[in-house]
N, C-alpha and C. Protein backbone atom coordinates (compact mmCIF):
# COMPACT_ATOMS: atom_id res chain seq x y z
N MET A 1 67.35 57.14 -0.97
CA MET A 1 66.71 56.22 -0.05
C MET A 1 65.21 56.51 -0.05
N PRO A 2 64.38 55.52 -0.24
CA PRO A 2 62.94 55.75 -0.33
C PRO A 2 62.29 55.85 1.05
N ALA A 3 62.50 56.96 1.72
CA ALA A 3 61.91 57.16 3.04
C ALA A 3 60.82 58.21 2.96
N LYS A 4 59.80 58.03 3.76
CA LYS A 4 58.72 59.00 3.91
C LYS A 4 58.81 59.52 5.33
N ILE A 5 58.91 60.84 5.48
CA ILE A 5 58.93 61.45 6.80
C ILE A 5 57.65 62.25 6.97
N ARG A 6 56.90 61.91 7.98
CA ARG A 6 55.62 62.57 8.26
C ARG A 6 55.79 63.34 9.57
N THR A 7 55.48 64.64 9.54
CA THR A 7 55.59 65.50 10.72
C THR A 7 54.20 66.05 11.04
N ILE A 8 53.81 65.92 12.32
CA ILE A 8 52.54 66.48 12.76
C ILE A 8 52.81 67.42 13.93
N LYS A 9 51.95 68.42 14.10
CA LYS A 9 52.12 69.42 15.16
C LYS A 9 50.79 69.71 15.83
N ALA A 10 50.88 70.06 17.09
CA ALA A 10 49.73 70.56 17.84
C ALA A 10 50.22 71.79 18.59
N ARG A 11 49.61 72.93 18.34
CA ARG A 11 50.09 74.20 18.91
C ARG A 11 49.54 74.47 20.31
N SER A 12 48.35 74.07 20.60
CA SER A 12 47.76 74.36 21.91
C SER A 12 47.40 73.06 22.62
N ALA A 13 48.39 72.22 22.83
CA ALA A 13 48.19 70.93 23.48
C ALA A 13 48.22 71.09 24.99
N SER A 14 47.48 70.23 25.66
CA SER A 14 47.40 70.28 27.11
C SER A 14 47.13 68.88 27.65
N THR A 15 47.61 68.62 28.87
CA THR A 15 47.33 67.34 29.50
C THR A 15 45.91 67.29 30.06
N SER A 16 45.29 68.43 30.23
CA SER A 16 43.97 68.47 30.86
C SER A 16 42.82 68.18 29.91
N GLU A 17 43.05 68.26 28.60
CA GLU A 17 41.97 68.02 27.66
C GLU A 17 42.52 67.53 26.32
N HIS A 18 41.62 67.04 25.49
CA HIS A 18 42.01 66.62 24.14
C HIS A 18 42.38 67.86 23.32
N PHE A 19 43.17 67.63 22.29
CA PHE A 19 43.59 68.72 21.40
C PHE A 19 43.60 68.17 19.98
N TYR A 20 43.93 69.02 19.02
CA TYR A 20 43.93 68.61 17.62
C TYR A 20 45.30 68.83 16.99
N PHE A 21 45.73 67.83 16.22
CA PHE A 21 46.95 67.94 15.42
C PHE A 21 46.59 68.60 14.09
N ASN A 22 47.60 69.13 13.40
CA ASN A 22 47.36 69.75 12.10
C ASN A 22 47.07 68.73 11.01
N ARG A 23 47.52 67.47 11.18
CA ARG A 23 47.24 66.38 10.25
C ARG A 23 47.44 65.05 10.96
N SER A 24 47.08 63.98 10.29
CA SER A 24 47.21 62.66 10.88
C SER A 24 48.59 62.07 10.57
N ILE A 25 49.08 61.25 11.47
CA ILE A 25 50.35 60.57 11.26
C ILE A 25 50.17 59.44 10.24
N GLN A 26 48.94 58.94 10.09
CA GLN A 26 48.62 57.93 9.09
C GLN A 26 47.75 58.54 8.01
N PHE A 27 47.76 57.93 6.86
CA PHE A 27 46.93 58.40 5.75
C PHE A 27 45.46 58.23 6.13
N LYS A 28 44.68 59.28 6.02
CA LYS A 28 43.25 59.31 6.32
C LYS A 28 42.92 58.97 7.76
N GLY A 29 43.76 59.35 8.69
CA GLY A 29 43.45 59.18 10.10
C GLY A 29 42.81 60.45 10.64
N GLY A 30 42.41 60.41 11.91
CA GLY A 30 41.78 61.57 12.54
C GLY A 30 42.81 62.54 13.09
N LEU A 31 42.33 63.68 13.56
CA LEU A 31 43.20 64.74 14.07
C LEU A 31 43.20 64.85 15.59
N LEU A 32 42.24 64.23 16.26
CA LEU A 32 42.12 64.33 17.71
C LEU A 32 43.33 63.71 18.39
N GLY A 33 43.87 64.38 19.41
CA GLY A 33 45.05 63.89 20.10
C GLY A 33 44.93 64.00 21.60
N GLN A 34 45.79 63.27 22.30
CA GLN A 34 45.86 63.30 23.75
C GLN A 34 47.27 62.94 24.17
N ILE A 35 47.75 63.56 25.23
CA ILE A 35 49.07 63.24 25.78
C ILE A 35 48.92 62.98 27.27
N LYS A 36 49.65 61.97 27.75
CA LYS A 36 49.61 61.62 29.17
C LYS A 36 51.04 61.51 29.68
N PHE A 37 51.25 62.00 30.89
CA PHE A 37 52.56 61.93 31.55
C PHE A 37 52.42 61.12 32.83
N PHE A 38 53.41 60.28 33.11
CA PHE A 38 53.42 59.43 34.28
C PHE A 38 54.74 59.62 35.02
N PRO A 39 54.77 60.46 36.08
CA PRO A 39 56.02 60.67 36.82
C PRO A 39 56.38 59.43 37.65
N LYS A 40 57.66 59.09 37.67
CA LYS A 40 58.16 57.97 38.45
C LYS A 40 59.04 58.51 39.57
N LYS A 41 59.24 57.72 40.61
CA LYS A 41 60.04 58.15 41.75
C LYS A 41 61.49 58.43 41.40
N SER A 42 61.97 57.80 40.35
CA SER A 42 63.37 57.96 39.95
C SER A 42 63.63 59.29 39.23
N GLY A 43 62.59 60.11 39.04
CA GLY A 43 62.75 61.38 38.34
C GLY A 43 62.45 61.28 36.85
N ILE A 44 62.22 60.09 36.39
CA ILE A 44 61.87 59.88 34.98
C ILE A 44 60.38 60.12 34.80
N ILE A 45 60.04 60.74 33.68
CA ILE A 45 58.63 60.95 33.35
C ILE A 45 58.34 60.17 32.08
N LYS A 46 57.40 59.23 32.18
CA LYS A 46 57.00 58.46 31.01
C LYS A 46 55.89 59.21 30.28
N ILE A 47 55.88 59.06 28.96
CA ILE A 47 54.97 59.79 28.10
C ILE A 47 54.24 58.82 27.18
N LYS A 48 52.94 59.07 26.99
CA LYS A 48 52.17 58.36 25.98
C LYS A 48 51.45 59.40 25.15
N LEU A 49 51.60 59.29 23.83
CA LEU A 49 50.97 60.21 22.90
C LEU A 49 50.01 59.42 22.03
N TYR A 50 48.78 59.92 21.94
CA TYR A 50 47.72 59.25 21.20
C TYR A 50 47.20 60.15 20.08
N GLN A 51 46.73 59.51 19.00
CA GLN A 51 46.03 60.23 17.94
C GLN A 51 44.93 59.30 17.42
N ASP A 52 43.78 59.86 17.16
CA ASP A 52 42.62 59.11 16.67
C ASP A 52 42.94 58.57 15.27
N LEU A 53 43.38 57.33 15.19
CA LEU A 53 43.82 56.76 13.92
C LEU A 53 42.67 56.22 13.07
N ASP A 54 41.54 55.90 13.70
CA ASP A 54 40.43 55.31 12.95
C ASP A 54 39.25 56.28 12.75
N LYS A 55 39.45 57.55 13.04
CA LYS A 55 38.47 58.62 12.79
C LYS A 55 37.12 58.39 13.47
N ASN A 56 37.13 57.85 14.71
CA ASN A 56 35.88 57.67 15.43
C ASN A 56 35.69 58.74 16.52
N ASN A 57 36.56 59.74 16.55
CA ASN A 57 36.54 60.85 17.52
C ASN A 57 36.64 60.37 18.96
N LYS A 58 37.32 59.25 19.17
CA LYS A 58 37.59 58.72 20.51
C LYS A 58 39.05 58.29 20.56
N ILE A 59 39.64 58.42 21.73
CA ILE A 59 41.02 57.98 21.94
C ILE A 59 40.98 56.67 22.71
N SER A 60 41.63 55.64 22.18
CA SER A 60 41.73 54.36 22.87
C SER A 60 43.18 53.92 22.89
N LYS A 61 43.46 52.81 23.57
CA LYS A 61 44.85 52.37 23.65
C LYS A 61 45.38 51.89 22.30
N GLU A 62 44.51 51.58 21.35
CA GLU A 62 44.95 51.21 19.99
C GLU A 62 45.43 52.43 19.21
N ASP A 63 45.15 53.63 19.69
CA ASP A 63 45.52 54.87 19.01
C ASP A 63 46.88 55.41 19.47
N LEU A 64 47.66 54.60 20.19
CA LEU A 64 48.97 55.01 20.68
C LEU A 64 49.92 55.21 19.50
N ILE A 65 50.52 56.40 19.39
CA ILE A 65 51.49 56.66 18.31
C ILE A 65 52.91 56.85 18.84
N PHE A 66 53.06 57.03 20.16
CA PHE A 66 54.40 57.16 20.73
C PHE A 66 54.35 56.86 22.22
N LYS A 67 55.37 56.11 22.67
CA LYS A 67 55.57 55.85 24.09
C LYS A 67 57.04 56.11 24.37
N GLY A 68 57.32 56.94 25.37
CA GLY A 68 58.71 57.27 25.63
C GLY A 68 58.92 57.80 27.04
N LYS A 69 60.07 58.45 27.23
CA LYS A 69 60.41 58.98 28.55
C LYS A 69 61.28 60.21 28.41
N VAL A 70 61.23 61.03 29.46
CA VAL A 70 62.15 62.15 29.62
C VAL A 70 62.85 61.92 30.95
N ALA A 71 64.17 61.83 30.92
CA ALA A 71 64.93 61.49 32.11
C ALA A 71 65.43 62.72 32.86
N ASP A 72 65.18 63.91 32.34
CA ASP A 72 65.65 65.15 32.95
C ASP A 72 64.63 65.63 33.98
N ALA A 73 64.96 65.54 35.26
CA ALA A 73 64.03 65.87 36.34
C ALA A 73 63.72 67.37 36.43
N LYS A 74 64.54 68.23 35.85
CA LYS A 74 64.30 69.67 35.95
C LYS A 74 63.05 70.10 35.19
N HIS A 75 62.56 69.26 34.28
CA HIS A 75 61.37 69.60 33.50
C HIS A 75 60.10 68.95 34.05
N SER A 76 60.17 68.30 35.20
CA SER A 76 59.04 67.51 35.67
C SER A 76 57.78 68.35 35.91
N ASP A 77 57.89 69.52 36.52
CA ASP A 77 56.71 70.35 36.79
C ASP A 77 56.08 70.86 35.49
N GLU A 78 56.91 71.22 34.53
CA GLU A 78 56.40 71.70 33.25
C GLU A 78 55.66 70.61 32.48
N LEU A 79 56.12 69.37 32.62
CA LEU A 79 55.50 68.29 31.87
C LEU A 79 54.23 67.77 32.54
N ILE A 80 54.21 67.73 33.85
CA ILE A 80 53.02 67.21 34.55
C ILE A 80 51.81 68.09 34.24
N ASN A 81 51.99 69.40 34.23
CA ASN A 81 50.91 70.34 33.90
C ASN A 81 51.17 70.97 32.53
N PHE A 82 51.45 70.13 31.55
CA PHE A 82 51.90 70.59 30.25
C PHE A 82 50.83 71.38 29.50
N VAL A 83 51.25 72.55 29.02
CA VAL A 83 50.49 73.35 28.06
C VAL A 83 51.53 73.89 27.10
N GLY A 84 51.37 73.59 25.82
CA GLY A 84 52.37 74.07 24.87
C GLY A 84 52.23 73.41 23.51
N THR A 85 53.37 73.29 22.82
CA THR A 85 53.43 72.79 21.45
C THR A 85 54.05 71.40 21.43
N ILE A 86 53.49 70.55 20.58
CA ILE A 86 54.00 69.20 20.37
C ILE A 86 54.36 69.06 18.90
N LYS A 87 55.53 68.49 18.64
CA LYS A 87 55.95 68.20 17.26
C LYS A 87 56.42 66.75 17.23
N PHE A 88 55.78 65.97 16.38
CA PHE A 88 56.08 64.54 16.31
C PHE A 88 56.44 64.18 14.87
N LYS A 89 57.59 63.49 14.71
CA LYS A 89 58.05 63.05 13.39
C LYS A 89 58.13 61.53 13.37
N LYS A 90 57.74 60.98 12.22
CA LYS A 90 57.87 59.54 12.02
C LYS A 90 58.44 59.30 10.64
N GLN A 91 59.56 58.58 10.59
CA GLN A 91 60.15 58.17 9.32
C GLN A 91 59.79 56.72 9.08
N MET A 92 59.33 56.44 7.87
CA MET A 92 58.97 55.07 7.51
C MET A 92 59.39 54.81 6.07
N HIS A 93 59.35 53.58 5.66
CA HIS A 93 59.62 53.24 4.27
C HIS A 93 58.48 53.79 3.43
N SER A 94 58.80 54.33 2.27
CA SER A 94 57.76 54.92 1.42
C SER A 94 56.72 53.89 0.99
N CYS A 95 57.09 52.63 0.94
CA CYS A 95 56.12 51.58 0.59
C CYS A 95 55.07 51.41 1.69
N ASP A 96 55.46 51.59 2.95
CA ASP A 96 54.47 51.54 4.04
C ASP A 96 53.44 52.64 3.88
N TRP A 97 53.89 53.81 3.46
CA TRP A 97 52.98 54.93 3.23
C TRP A 97 52.05 54.64 2.04
N GLU A 98 52.60 54.09 0.98
CA GLU A 98 51.79 53.76 -0.20
C GLU A 98 50.75 52.68 0.11
N LYS A 99 51.10 51.72 0.98
CA LYS A 99 50.15 50.68 1.38
C LYS A 99 48.98 51.27 2.15
N GLN A 100 49.23 52.33 2.94
CA GLN A 100 48.15 53.00 3.65
C GLN A 100 47.23 53.73 2.66
N LYS A 101 47.81 54.30 1.63
CA LYS A 101 47.03 55.04 0.64
C LYS A 101 46.19 54.12 -0.25
N GLN A 102 46.72 52.92 -0.54
CA GLN A 102 46.05 51.99 -1.44
C GLN A 102 45.97 50.61 -0.79
N PRO A 103 45.11 50.46 0.25
CA PRO A 103 45.05 49.17 0.94
C PRO A 103 44.51 48.06 0.05
N GLY A 104 45.11 46.89 0.16
CA GLY A 104 44.66 45.74 -0.60
C GLY A 104 45.19 45.63 -2.01
N GLU A 105 45.91 46.64 -2.48
CA GLU A 105 46.46 46.60 -3.84
C GLU A 105 47.92 46.20 -3.79
N PHE A 106 48.39 45.61 -4.87
CA PHE A 106 49.79 45.22 -4.99
C PHE A 106 50.63 46.46 -5.27
N ILE A 107 51.70 46.61 -4.51
CA ILE A 107 52.58 47.77 -4.68
C ILE A 107 54.00 47.25 -4.86
N ALA A 108 54.66 47.69 -5.91
CA ALA A 108 56.05 47.30 -6.14
C ALA A 108 56.95 48.13 -5.23
N CYS A 109 57.77 47.46 -4.45
CA CYS A 109 58.62 48.14 -3.48
C CYS A 109 60.08 47.79 -3.69
N THR A 110 60.93 48.68 -3.21
CA THR A 110 62.37 48.42 -3.25
C THR A 110 62.75 47.58 -2.04
N ARG A 111 63.92 47.01 -2.07
CA ARG A 111 64.38 46.21 -0.94
C ARG A 111 65.31 47.00 -0.04
N ASP A 112 65.38 48.31 -0.21
CA ASP A 112 66.22 49.14 0.64
C ASP A 112 65.74 49.06 2.09
N TYR A 113 66.69 49.08 2.98
CA TYR A 113 66.33 49.09 4.40
C TYR A 113 66.13 50.53 4.85
N VAL A 114 64.93 50.83 5.32
CA VAL A 114 64.62 52.15 5.87
C VAL A 114 64.04 51.91 7.26
N PRO A 115 64.76 52.25 8.30
CA PRO A 115 64.24 52.02 9.65
C PRO A 115 63.09 52.98 9.96
N THR A 116 62.15 52.51 10.78
CA THR A 116 61.08 53.37 11.27
C THR A 116 61.62 54.11 12.48
N LEU A 117 61.66 55.44 12.39
CA LEU A 117 62.20 56.28 13.45
C LEU A 117 61.11 57.22 13.96
N HIS A 118 61.16 57.51 15.27
CA HIS A 118 60.20 58.41 15.91
C HIS A 118 60.95 59.50 16.65
N GLU A 119 60.42 60.73 16.60
CA GLU A 119 61.00 61.84 17.35
C GLU A 119 59.87 62.70 17.92
N LEU A 120 59.89 62.90 19.22
CA LEU A 120 58.88 63.73 19.89
C LEU A 120 59.57 64.91 20.54
N MET A 121 59.09 66.12 20.20
CA MET A 121 59.60 67.35 20.80
C MET A 121 58.44 68.06 21.48
N LEU A 122 58.66 68.43 22.74
CA LEU A 122 57.68 69.16 23.53
C LEU A 122 58.23 70.54 23.84
N LYS A 123 57.39 71.56 23.72
CA LYS A 123 57.84 72.92 24.00
C LYS A 123 56.78 73.59 24.89
N PRO A 124 57.00 73.55 26.22
CA PRO A 124 56.04 74.16 27.14
C PRO A 124 55.96 75.68 26.95
N ASP A 125 54.75 76.23 27.05
CA ASP A 125 54.57 77.68 26.92
C ASP A 125 55.27 78.43 28.05
N SER A 126 55.38 77.79 29.23
CA SER A 126 55.96 78.48 30.40
C SER A 126 57.44 78.82 30.22
N SER A 127 58.23 77.90 29.66
CA SER A 127 59.67 78.17 29.51
C SER A 127 60.08 78.38 28.06
N GLY A 128 59.38 77.77 27.13
CA GLY A 128 59.75 77.86 25.72
C GLY A 128 60.94 77.00 25.35
N GLU A 129 61.42 76.21 26.29
CA GLU A 129 62.58 75.34 26.06
C GLU A 129 62.13 74.04 25.40
N LYS A 130 62.86 73.59 24.40
CA LYS A 130 62.52 72.34 23.71
C LYS A 130 62.97 71.15 24.55
N ILE A 131 62.06 70.19 24.71
CA ILE A 131 62.33 68.98 25.47
C ILE A 131 62.11 67.81 24.52
N TYR A 132 63.12 66.94 24.39
CA TYR A 132 63.02 65.79 23.51
C TYR A 132 62.83 64.52 24.34
N ALA A 133 61.93 63.67 23.87
CA ALA A 133 61.65 62.41 24.56
C ALA A 133 62.34 61.26 23.85
N GLU A 134 62.79 60.31 24.63
CA GLU A 134 63.42 59.10 24.11
C GLU A 134 62.35 58.02 24.00
N GLY A 135 62.26 57.35 22.86
CA GLY A 135 61.26 56.32 22.64
C GLY A 135 61.53 55.07 23.44
N LEU A 136 60.46 54.35 23.76
CA LEU A 136 60.55 53.09 24.49
C LEU A 136 59.86 51.99 23.69
N GLY A 137 60.35 50.77 23.84
CA GLY A 137 59.73 49.62 23.18
C GLY A 137 59.80 49.73 21.67
N GLU A 138 58.65 49.56 21.01
CA GLU A 138 58.63 49.60 19.54
C GLU A 138 58.89 50.99 18.99
N PHE A 139 58.88 52.01 19.84
CA PHE A 139 59.11 53.39 19.41
C PHE A 139 60.56 53.83 19.63
N ARG A 140 61.38 52.93 20.08
CA ARG A 140 62.79 53.22 20.32
C ARG A 140 63.55 53.28 19.00
N ASN A 141 64.35 54.30 18.86
CA ASN A 141 65.18 54.44 17.66
C ASN A 141 66.50 53.73 17.90
N GLU A 142 66.72 52.66 17.16
CA GLU A 142 67.97 51.93 17.29
C GLU A 142 69.04 52.65 16.50
N GLN A 143 70.14 52.89 17.13
CA GLN A 143 71.26 53.54 16.46
C GLN A 143 72.03 52.48 15.67
N LEU A 144 72.27 52.78 14.43
CA LEU A 144 72.98 51.83 13.58
C LEU A 144 74.44 52.25 13.46
N PHE A 145 75.29 51.43 14.01
CA PHE A 145 76.72 51.70 13.92
C PHE A 145 77.37 50.53 13.20
N ASP A 146 77.96 50.81 12.09
CA ASP A 146 78.69 49.78 11.36
C ASP A 146 80.17 50.10 11.48
N THR A 147 80.81 49.38 12.37
CA THR A 147 82.24 49.60 12.56
C THR A 147 82.97 48.32 12.18
N TYR A 148 83.83 48.46 11.29
CA TYR A 148 84.62 47.32 10.85
C TYR A 148 86.10 47.63 11.06
N LEU A 149 86.78 46.70 11.69
CA LEU A 149 88.22 46.84 11.87
C LEU A 149 88.91 46.03 10.77
N LEU A 150 89.72 46.67 10.03
CA LEU A 150 90.42 45.99 8.94
C LEU A 150 91.81 45.60 9.36
């Protein structure tokens, strides 16, 4: 299957200031990152993760690379004042990656279906426990179940 999986990490990420990823999620993007948490009354914490995609050393709403939620209320204090490690994975079709590398050029691609998948893992320094976020909207991973009754 022609899939490209890109993994980026930030070891000293914090909600109080910008931080840097080890690489860009897009080809030739910037490294500057920011994470925001929005606690809701229902105990859910919404998350927005940004990375400077256009290399202008500024974070804007166009630089959003993940939007999701954590529904586990026991982690709310750790996430609101988050300091720790972030690991973000994105799976895409390899042709999408090649188009980023060679914009405007014709690229021969396969017709295989490769879904775009996102995975965000947060690891607060205070507990060291891994917390996984569920994607929302365009960042939601649709589960593919093919069940046929014969």
